[in-house]
Amino acid sequence: LALDFAEALRSNDAKVNAALLNAL
């Protein structure tokens, strides 16, 4: 989950999936 959270943050701000971050 920590690795997936970091991967989700690698996108630029416009493309960050906020729902995925919340779920993780």
mmCIF file of all heavy atoms, coordinates in Angstrom:
data_MODEL
# 
_entry.id   MODEL 
# 
loop_
_atom_site.group_PDB 
_atom_site.id 
_atom_site.type_symbol 
_atom_site.label_atom_id 
_atom_site.label_alt_id 
_atom_site.label_comp_id 
_atom_site.label_asym_id 
_atom_site.label_entity_id 
_atom_site.label_seq_id 
_atom_site.pdbx_PDB_ins_code 
_atom_site.Cartn_x 
_atom_site.Cartn_y 
_atom_site.Cartn_z 
_atom_site.occupancy 
_atom_site.B_iso_or_equiv 
_atom_site.pdbx_formal_charge 
_atom_site.auth_seq_id 
_atom_site.auth_comp_id 
_atom_site.auth_asym_id 
_atom_site.auth_atom_id 
_atom_site.pdbx_PDB_model_num 
ATOM 1   N N   . LEU A 1 1  ? 0.827   -1.202 0.000   1.00 0.00 ? 1  LEU A N   1 
ATOM 2   C CA  . LEU A 1 1  ? 0.000   0.000  0.000   1.00 0.00 ? 1  LEU A CA  1 
ATOM 3   C C   . LEU A 1 1  ? 0.867   1.260  0.000   1.00 0.00 ? 1  LEU A C   1 
ATOM 4   O O   . LEU A 1 1  ? 0.559   2.231  -0.699  1.00 0.00 ? 1  LEU A O   1 
ATOM 5   C CB  . LEU A 1 1  ? -0.947  0.003  1.205   1.00 0.00 ? 1  LEU A CB  1 
ATOM 6   C CG  . LEU A 1 1  ? -2.097  -1.001 1.142   1.00 0.00 ? 1  LEU A CG  1 
ATOM 7   C CD1 . LEU A 1 1  ? -2.763  -1.131 2.503   1.00 0.00 ? 1  LEU A CD1 1 
ATOM 8   C CD2 . LEU A 1 1  ? -3.102  -0.581 0.096   1.00 0.00 ? 1  LEU A CD2 1 
ATOM 9   N N   . ALA A 1 2  ? 1.951   1.249  0.785   1.00 0.00 ? 2  ALA A N   1 
ATOM 10  C CA  . ALA A 1 2  ? 2.859   2.404  0.818   1.00 0.00 ? 2  ALA A CA  1 
ATOM 11  C C   . ALA A 1 2  ? 3.500   2.611  -0.554  1.00 0.00 ? 2  ALA A C   1 
ATOM 12  O O   . ALA A 1 2  ? 3.612   3.751  -1.037  1.00 0.00 ? 2  ALA A O   1 
ATOM 13  C CB  . ALA A 1 2  ? 3.923   2.212  1.892   1.00 0.00 ? 2  ALA A CB  1 
ATOM 14  N N   . LEU A 1 3  ? 3.911   1.522  -1.202  1.00 0.00 ? 3  LEU A N   1 
ATOM 15  C CA  . LEU A 1 3  ? 4.504   1.631  -2.532  1.00 0.00 ? 3  LEU A CA  1 
ATOM 16  C C   . LEU A 1 3  ? 3.480   2.134  -3.553  1.00 0.00 ? 3  LEU A C   1 
ATOM 17  O O   . LEU A 1 3  ? 3.804   2.968  -4.410  1.00 0.00 ? 3  LEU A O   1 
ATOM 18  C CB  . LEU A 1 3  ? 5.076   0.284  -2.977  1.00 0.00 ? 3  LEU A CB  1 
ATOM 19  C CG  . LEU A 1 3  ? 6.289   -0.212 -2.183  1.00 0.00 ? 3  LEU A CG  1 
ATOM 20  C CD1 . LEU A 1 3  ? 6.644   -1.629 -2.604  1.00 0.00 ? 3  LEU A CD1 1 
ATOM 21  C CD2 . LEU A 1 3  ? 7.464   0.732  -2.348  1.00 0.00 ? 3  LEU A CD2 1 
ATOM 22  N N   . ASP A 1 4  ? 2.248   1.644  -3.465  1.00 0.00 ? 4  ASP A N   1 
ATOM 23  C CA  . ASP A 1 4  ? 1.189   2.104  -4.369  1.00 0.00 ? 4  ASP A CA  1 
ATOM 24  C C   . ASP A 1 4  ? 0.863   3.577  -4.140  1.00 0.00 ? 4  ASP A C   1 
ATOM 25  O O   . ASP A 1 4  ? 0.602   4.324  -5.086  1.00 0.00 ? 4  ASP A O   1 
ATOM 26  C CB  . ASP A 1 4  ? -0.074  1.255  -4.197  1.00 0.00 ? 4  ASP A CB  1 
ATOM 27  C CG  . ASP A 1 4  ? 0.100   -0.173 -4.704  1.00 0.00 ? 4  ASP A CG  1 
ATOM 28  O OD1 . ASP A 1 4  ? 1.094   -0.449 -5.416  1.00 0.00 ? 4  ASP A OD1 1 
ATOM 29  O OD2 . ASP A 1 4  ? -0.760  -1.012 -4.367  1.00 0.00 ? 4  ASP A OD2 1 
ATOM 30  N N   . PHE A 1 5  ? 0.881   4.003  -2.870  1.00 0.00 ? 5  PHE A N   1 
ATOM 31  C CA  . PHE A 1 5  ? 0.634   5.408  -2.529  1.00 0.00 ? 5  PHE A CA  1 
ATOM 32  C C   . PHE A 1 5  ? 1.721   6.283  -3.161  1.00 0.00 ? 5  PHE A C   1 
ATOM 33  O O   . PHE A 1 5  ? 1.431   7.317  -3.768  1.00 0.00 ? 5  PHE A O   1 
ATOM 34  C CB  . PHE A 1 5  ? 0.614   5.566  -1.000  1.00 0.00 ? 5  PHE A CB  1 
ATOM 35  C CG  . PHE A 1 5  ? 0.018   6.850  -0.506  1.00 0.00 ? 5  PHE A CG  1 
ATOM 36  C CD1 . PHE A 1 5  ? -1.347  6.950  -0.285  1.00 0.00 ? 5  PHE A CD1 1 
ATOM 37  C CD2 . PHE A 1 5  ? 0.816   7.948  -0.246  1.00 0.00 ? 5  PHE A CD2 1 
ATOM 38  C CE1 . PHE A 1 5  ? -1.898  8.134  0.185   1.00 0.00 ? 5  PHE A CE1 1 
ATOM 39  C CE2 . PHE A 1 5  ? 0.277   9.132  0.221   1.00 0.00 ? 5  PHE A CE2 1 
ATOM 40  C CZ  . PHE A 1 5  ? -1.091  9.227  0.440   1.00 0.00 ? 5  PHE A CZ  1 
ATOM 41  N N   . ALA A 1 6  ? 2.980   5.855  -3.032  1.00 0.00 ? 6  ALA A N   1 
ATOM 42  C CA  . ALA A 1 6  ? 4.091   6.608  -3.629  1.00 0.00 ? 6  ALA A CA  1 
ATOM 43  C C   . ALA A 1 6  ? 3.956   6.662  -5.143  1.00 0.00 ? 6  ALA A C   1 
ATOM 44  O O   . ALA A 1 6  ? 4.194   7.706  -5.761  1.00 0.00 ? 6  ALA A O   1 
ATOM 45  C CB  . ALA A 1 6  ? 5.415   5.967  -3.227  1.00 0.00 ? 6  ALA A CB  1 
ATOM 46  N N   . GLU A 1 7  ? 3.566   5.546  -5.741  1.00 0.00 ? 7  GLU A N   1 
ATOM 47  C CA  . GLU A 1 7  ? 3.398   5.498  -7.201  1.00 0.00 ? 7  GLU A CA  1 
ATOM 48  C C   . GLU A 1 7  ? 2.295   6.456  -7.652  1.00 0.00 ? 7  GLU A C   1 
ATOM 49  O O   . GLU A 1 7  ? 2.435   7.140  -8.667  1.00 0.00 ? 7  GLU A O   1 
ATOM 50  C CB  . GLU A 1 7  ? 3.074   4.069  -7.642  1.00 0.00 ? 7  GLU A CB  1 
ATOM 51  C CG  . GLU A 1 7  ? 2.942   3.900  -9.130  1.00 0.00 ? 7  GLU A CG  1 
ATOM 52  C CD  . GLU A 1 7  ? 4.231   4.172  -9.889  1.00 0.00 ? 7  GLU A CD  1 
ATOM 53  O OE1 . GLU A 1 7  ? 5.319   3.917  -9.347  1.00 0.00 ? 7  GLU A OE1 1 
ATOM 54  O OE2 . GLU A 1 7  ? 4.134   4.668  -11.029 1.00 0.00 ? 7  GLU A OE2 1 
ATOM 55  N N   . ALA A 1 8  ? 1.215   6.518  -6.888  1.00 0.00 ? 8  ALA A N   1 
ATOM 56  C CA  . ALA A 1 8  ? 0.111   7.421  -7.240  1.00 0.00 ? 8  ALA A CA  1 
ATOM 57  C C   . ALA A 1 8  ? 0.549   8.888  -7.158  1.00 0.00 ? 8  ALA A C   1 
ATOM 58  O O   . ALA A 1 8  ? 0.043   9.734  -7.899  1.00 0.00 ? 8  ALA A O   1 
ATOM 59  C CB  . ALA A 1 8  ? -1.086  7.168  -6.333  1.00 0.00 ? 8  ALA A CB  1 
ATOM 60  N N   . LEU A 1 9  ? 1.506   9.181  -6.290  1.00 0.00 ? 9  LEU A N   1 
ATOM 61  C CA  . LEU A 1 9  ? 1.980   10.566 -6.140  1.00 0.00 ? 9  LEU A CA  1 
ATOM 62  C C   . LEU A 1 9  ? 2.998   10.966 -7.206  1.00 0.00 ? 9  LEU A C   1 
ATOM 63  O O   . LEU A 1 9  ? 3.342   12.129 -7.312  1.00 0.00 ? 9  LEU A O   1 
ATOM 64  C CB  . LEU A 1 9  ? 2.614   10.761 -4.755  1.00 0.00 ? 9  LEU A CB  1 
ATOM 65  C CG  . LEU A 1 9  ? 1.637   10.936 -3.610  1.00 0.00 ? 9  LEU A CG  1 
ATOM 66  C CD1 . LEU A 1 9  ? 2.385   11.049 -2.299  1.00 0.00 ? 9  LEU A CD1 1 
ATOM 67  C CD2 . LEU A 1 9  ? 0.780   12.160 -3.831  1.00 0.00 ? 9  LEU A CD2 1 
ATOM 68  N N   . ARG A 1 10 ? 3.483   10.020 -7.980  1.00 0.00 ? 10 ARG A N   1 
ATOM 69  C CA  . ARG A 1 10 ? 4.494   10.339 -8.994  1.00 0.00 ? 10 ARG A CA  1 
ATOM 70  C C   . ARG A 1 10 ? 3.921   11.161 -10.152 1.00 0.00 ? 10 ARG A C   1 
ATOM 71  O O   . ARG A 1 10 ? 4.670   11.814 -10.867 1.00 0.00 ? 10 ARG A O   1 
ATOM 72  C CB  . ARG A 1 10 ? 5.128   9.055  -9.514  1.00 0.00 ? 10 ARG A CB  1 
ATOM 73  C CG  . ARG A 1 10 ? 6.095   8.472  -8.519  1.00 0.00 ? 10 ARG A CG  1 
ATOM 74  C CD  . ARG A 1 10 ? 7.023   7.458  -9.143  1.00 0.00 ? 10 ARG A CD  1 
ATOM 75  N NE  . ARG A 1 10 ? 7.949   6.995  -8.135  1.00 0.00 ? 10 ARG A NE  1 
ATOM 76  C CZ  . ARG A 1 10 ? 7.821   5.860  -7.475  1.00 0.00 ? 10 ARG A CZ  1 
ATOM 77  N NH1 . ARG A 1 10 ? 6.811   5.060  -7.728  1.00 0.00 ? 10 ARG A NH1 1 
ATOM 78  N NH2 . ARG A 1 10 ? 8.700   5.519  -6.562  1.00 0.00 ? 10 ARG A NH2 1 
ATOM 79  N N   . SER A 1 11 ? 2.628   11.132 -10.321 1.00 0.00 ? 11 SER A N   1 
ATOM 80  C CA  . SER A 1 11 ? 1.996   11.911 -11.398 1.00 0.00 ? 11 SER A CA  1 
ATOM 81  C C   . SER A 1 11 ? 2.063   13.400 -11.073 1.00 0.00 ? 11 SER A C   1 
ATOM 82  O O   . SER A 1 11 ? 2.185   13.783 -9.908  1.00 0.00 ? 11 SER A O   1 
ATOM 83  C CB  . SER A 1 11 ? 0.523   11.524 -11.533 1.00 0.00 ? 11 SER A CB  1 
ATOM 84  O OG  . SER A 1 11 ? 0.390   10.155 -11.754 1.00 0.00 ? 11 SER A OG  1 
ATOM 85  N N   . ASN A 1 12 ? 1.956   14.215 -12.095 1.00 0.00 ? 12 ASN A N   1 
ATOM 86  C CA  . ASN A 1 12 ? 1.888   15.650 -11.816 1.00 0.00 ? 12 ASN A CA  1 
ATOM 87  C C   . ASN A 1 12 ? 0.525   15.958 -11.178 1.00 0.00 ? 12 ASN A C   1 
ATOM 88  O O   . ASN A 1 12 ? -0.398  15.142 -11.235 1.00 0.00 ? 12 ASN A O   1 
ATOM 89  C CB  . ASN A 1 12 ? 2.167   16.499 -13.063 1.00 0.00 ? 12 ASN A CB  1 
ATOM 90  C CG  . ASN A 1 12 ? 1.138   16.304 -14.151 1.00 0.00 ? 12 ASN A CG  1 
ATOM 91  O OD1 . ASN A 1 12 ? 0.086   15.702 -13.936 1.00 0.00 ? 12 ASN A OD1 1 
ATOM 92  N ND2 . ASN A 1 12 ? 1.447   16.802 -15.327 1.00 0.00 ? 12 ASN A ND2 1 
ATOM 93  N N   . ASP A 1 13 ? 0.407   17.118 -10.575 1.00 0.00 ? 13 ASP A N   1 
ATOM 94  C CA  . ASP A 1 13 ? -0.778  17.450 -9.781  1.00 0.00 ? 13 ASP A CA  1 
ATOM 95  C C   . ASP A 1 13 ? -2.085  17.297 -10.540 1.00 0.00 ? 13 ASP A C   1 
ATOM 96  O O   . ASP A 1 13 ? -3.089  16.858 -9.982  1.00 0.00 ? 13 ASP A O   1 
ATOM 97  C CB  . ASP A 1 13 ? -0.666  18.876 -9.230  1.00 0.00 ? 13 ASP A CB  1 
ATOM 98  C CG  . ASP A 1 13 ? 0.379   18.989 -8.125  1.00 0.00 ? 13 ASP A CG  1 
ATOM 99  O OD1 . ASP A 1 13 ? 0.800   17.933 -7.617  1.00 0.00 ? 13 ASP A OD1 1 
ATOM 100 O OD2 . ASP A 1 13 ? 0.767   20.114 -7.789  1.00 0.00 ? 13 ASP A OD2 1 
ATOM 101 N N   . ALA A 1 14 ? -2.114  17.615 -11.809 1.00 0.00 ? 14 ALA A N   1 
ATOM 102 C CA  . ALA A 1 14 ? -3.356  17.552 -12.583 1.00 0.00 ? 14 ALA A CA  1 
ATOM 103 C C   . ALA A 1 14 ? -3.816  16.112 -12.792 1.00 0.00 ? 14 ALA A C   1 
ATOM 104 O O   . ALA A 1 14 ? -5.000  15.865 -13.018 1.00 0.00 ? 14 ALA A O   1 
ATOM 105 C CB  . ALA A 1 14 ? -3.177  18.238 -13.926 1.00 0.00 ? 14 ALA A CB  1 
ATOM 106 N N   . LYS A 1 15 ? -2.903  15.158 -12.724 1.00 0.00 ? 15 LYS A N   1 
ATOM 107 C CA  . LYS A 1 15 ? -3.252  13.777 -13.022 1.00 0.00 ? 15 LYS A CA  1 
ATOM 108 C C   . LYS A 1 15 ? -3.291  12.864 -11.796 1.00 0.00 ? 15 LYS A C   1 
ATOM 109 O O   . LYS A 1 15 ? -3.504  11.667 -11.934 1.00 0.00 ? 15 LYS A O   1 
ATOM 110 C CB  . LYS A 1 15 ? -2.260  13.207 -14.035 1.00 0.00 ? 15 LYS A CB  1 
ATOM 111 C CG  . LYS A 1 15 ? -2.356  13.892 -15.376 1.00 0.00 ? 15 LYS A CG  1 
ATOM 112 C CD  . LYS A 1 15 ? -1.460  13.242 -16.386 1.00 0.00 ? 15 LYS A CD  1 
ATOM 113 C CE  . LYS A 1 15 ? -1.613  13.953 -17.720 1.00 0.00 ? 15 LYS A CE  1 
ATOM 114 N NZ  . LYS A 1 15 ? -0.806  13.322 -18.755 1.00 0.00 ? 15 LYS A NZ  1 
ATOM 115 N N   . VAL A 1 16 ? -3.075  13.407 -10.607 1.00 0.00 ? 16 VAL A N   1 
ATOM 116 C CA  . VAL A 1 16 ? -3.117  12.579 -9.400  1.00 0.00 ? 16 VAL A CA  1 
ATOM 117 C C   . VAL A 1 16 ? -4.548  12.094 -9.180  1.00 0.00 ? 16 VAL A C   1 
ATOM 118 O O   . VAL A 1 16 ? -5.500  12.871 -9.239  1.00 0.00 ? 16 VAL A O   1 
ATOM 119 C CB  . VAL A 1 16 ? -2.621  13.373 -8.166  1.00 0.00 ? 16 VAL A CB  1 
ATOM 120 C CG1 . VAL A 1 16 ? -2.899  12.621 -6.878  1.00 0.00 ? 16 VAL A CG1 1 
ATOM 121 C CG2 . VAL A 1 16 ? -1.138  13.656 -8.294  1.00 0.00 ? 16 VAL A CG2 1 
ATOM 122 N N   . ASN A 1 17 ? -4.683  10.811 -8.945  1.00 0.00 ? 17 ASN A N   1 
ATOM 123 C CA  . ASN A 1 17 ? -5.996  10.205 -8.699  1.00 0.00 ? 17 ASN A CA  1 
ATOM 124 C C   . ASN A 1 17 ? -6.307  10.326 -7.206  1.00 0.00 ? 17 ASN A C   1 
ATOM 125 O O   . ASN A 1 17 ? -5.878  9.496  -6.399  1.00 0.00 ? 17 ASN A O   1 
ATOM 126 C CB  . ASN A 1 17 ? -5.977  8.745  -9.156  1.00 0.00 ? 17 ASN A CB  1 
ATOM 127 C CG  . ASN A 1 17 ? -7.324  8.094  -9.067  1.00 0.00 ? 17 ASN A CG  1 
ATOM 128 O OD1 . ASN A 1 17 ? -8.231  8.576  -8.383  1.00 0.00 ? 17 ASN A OD1 1 
ATOM 129 N ND2 . ASN A 1 17 ? -7.480  6.982  -9.755  1.00 0.00 ? 17 ASN A ND2 1 
ATOM 130 N N   . ALA A 1 18 ? -7.054  11.362 -6.827  1.00 0.00 ? 18 ALA A N   1 
ATOM 131 C CA  . ALA A 1 18 ? -7.362  11.627 -5.419  1.00 0.00 ? 18 ALA A CA  1 
ATOM 132 C C   . ALA A 1 18 ? -8.185  10.499 -4.801  1.00 0.00 ? 18 ALA A C   1 
ATOM 133 O O   . ALA A 1 18 ? -7.968  10.139 -3.638  1.00 0.00 ? 18 ALA A O   1 
ATOM 134 C CB  . ALA A 1 18 ? -8.090  12.959 -5.289  1.00 0.00 ? 18 ALA A CB  1 
ATOM 135 N N   . ALA A 1 19 ? -9.088  9.927  -5.552  1.00 0.00 ? 19 ALA A N   1 
ATOM 136 C CA  . ALA A 1 19 ? -9.909  8.828  -5.027  1.00 0.00 ? 19 ALA A CA  1 
ATOM 137 C C   . ALA A 1 19 ? -9.045  7.617  -4.694  1.00 0.00 ? 19 ALA A C   1 
ATOM 138 O O   . ALA A 1 19 ? -9.258  6.951  -3.670  1.00 0.00 ? 19 ALA A O   1 
ATOM 139 C CB  . ALA A 1 19 ? -10.993 8.451  -6.037  1.00 0.00 ? 19 ALA A CB  1 
ATOM 140 N N   . LEU A 1 20 ? -8.048  7.338  -5.538  1.00 0.00 ? 20 LEU A N   1 
ATOM 141 C CA  . LEU A 1 20 ? -7.141  6.224  -5.268  1.00 0.00 ? 20 LEU A CA  1 
ATOM 142 C C   . LEU A 1 20 ? -6.328  6.492  -4.005  1.00 0.00 ? 20 LEU A C   1 
ATOM 143 O O   . LEU A 1 20 ? -6.163  5.600  -3.166  1.00 0.00 ? 20 LEU A O   1 
ATOM 144 C CB  . LEU A 1 20 ? -6.207  5.995  -6.461  1.00 0.00 ? 20 LEU A CB  1 
ATOM 145 C CG  . LEU A 1 20 ? -5.137  4.924  -6.281  1.00 0.00 ? 20 LEU A CG  1 
ATOM 146 C CD1 . LEU A 1 20 ? -5.769  3.563  -6.036  1.00 0.00 ? 20 LEU A CD1 1 
ATOM 147 C CD2 . LEU A 1 20 ? -4.214  4.893  -7.486  1.00 0.00 ? 20 LEU A CD2 1 
ATOM 148 N N   . LEU A 1 21 ? -5.818  7.715  -3.857  1.00 0.00 ? 21 LEU A N   1 
ATOM 149 C CA  . LEU A 1 21 ? -5.068  8.059  -2.642  1.00 0.00 ? 21 LEU A CA  1 
ATOM 150 C C   . LEU A 1 21 ? -5.932  7.864  -1.397  1.00 0.00 ? 21 LEU A C   1 
ATOM 151 O O   . LEU A 1 21 ? -5.471  7.321  -0.394  1.00 0.00 ? 21 LEU A O   1 
ATOM 152 C CB  . LEU A 1 21 ? -4.568  9.503  -2.710  1.00 0.00 ? 21 LEU A CB  1 
ATOM 153 C CG  . LEU A 1 21 ? -3.432  9.804  -3.661  1.00 0.00 ? 21 LEU A CG  1 
ATOM 154 C CD1 . LEU A 1 21 ? -3.095  11.290 -3.612  1.00 0.00 ? 21 LEU A CD1 1 
ATOM 155 C CD2 . LEU A 1 21 ? -2.212  8.974  -3.359  1.00 0.00 ? 21 LEU A CD2 1 
ATOM 156 N N   . ASN A 1 22 ? -7.181  8.313  -1.468  1.00 0.00 ? 22 ASN A N   1 
ATOM 157 C CA  . ASN A 1 22 ? -8.092  8.146  -0.328  1.00 0.00 ? 22 ASN A CA  1 
ATOM 158 C C   . ASN A 1 22 ? -8.323  6.674  -0.007  1.00 0.00 ? 22 ASN A C   1 
ATOM 159 O O   . ASN A 1 22 ? -8.324  6.274  1.164   1.00 0.00 ? 22 ASN A O   1 
ATOM 160 C CB  . ASN A 1 22 ? -9.425  8.843  -0.606  1.00 0.00 ? 22 ASN A CB  1 
ATOM 161 C CG  . ASN A 1 22 ? -9.293  10.348 -0.580  1.00 0.00 ? 22 ASN A CG  1 
ATOM 162 O OD1 . ASN A 1 22 ? -8.463  10.901 0.122   1.00 0.00 ? 22 ASN A OD1 1 
ATOM 163 N ND2 . ASN A 1 22 ? -10.108 11.009 -1.368  1.00 0.00 ? 22 ASN A ND2 1 
ATOM 164 N N   . ALA A 1 23 ? -8.505  5.864  -1.029  1.00 0.00 ? 23 ALA A N   1 
ATOM 165 C CA  . ALA A 1 23 ? -8.739  4.427  -0.820  1.00 0.00 ? 23 ALA A CA  1 
ATOM 166 C C   . ALA A 1 23 ? -7.502  3.752  -0.225  1.00 0.00 ? 23 ALA A C   1 
ATOM 167 O O   . ALA A 1 23 ? -7.617  2.934  0.699   1.00 0.00 ? 23 ALA A O   1 
ATOM 168 C CB  . ALA A 1 23 ? -9.128  3.763  -2.136  1.00 0.00 ? 23 ALA A CB  1 
ATOM 169 N N   . LEU A 1 24 ? -6.324  4.087  -0.744  1.00 0.00 ? 24 LEU A N   1 
ATOM 170 C CA  . LEU A 1 24 ? -5.083  3.503  -0.220  1.00 0.00 ? 24 LEU A CA  1 
ATOM 171 C C   . LEU A 1 24 ? -4.850  3.916  1.227   1.00 0.00 ? 24 LEU A C   1 
ATOM 172 O O   . LEU A 1 24 ? -4.439  3.101  2.066   1.00 0.00 ? 24 LEU A O   1 
ATOM 173 C CB  . LEU A 1 24 ? -3.896  3.917  -1.091  1.00 0.00 ? 24 LEU A CB  1 
ATOM 174 C CG  . LEU A 1 24 ? -3.861  3.346  -2.499  1.00 0.00 ? 24 LEU A CG  1 
ATOM 175 C CD1 . LEU A 1 24 ? -2.782  4.031  -3.322  1.00 0.00 ? 24 LEU A CD1 1 
ATOM 176 C CD2 . LEU A 1 24 ? -3.656  1.841  -2.466  1.00 0.00 ? 24 LEU A CD2 1 
# 
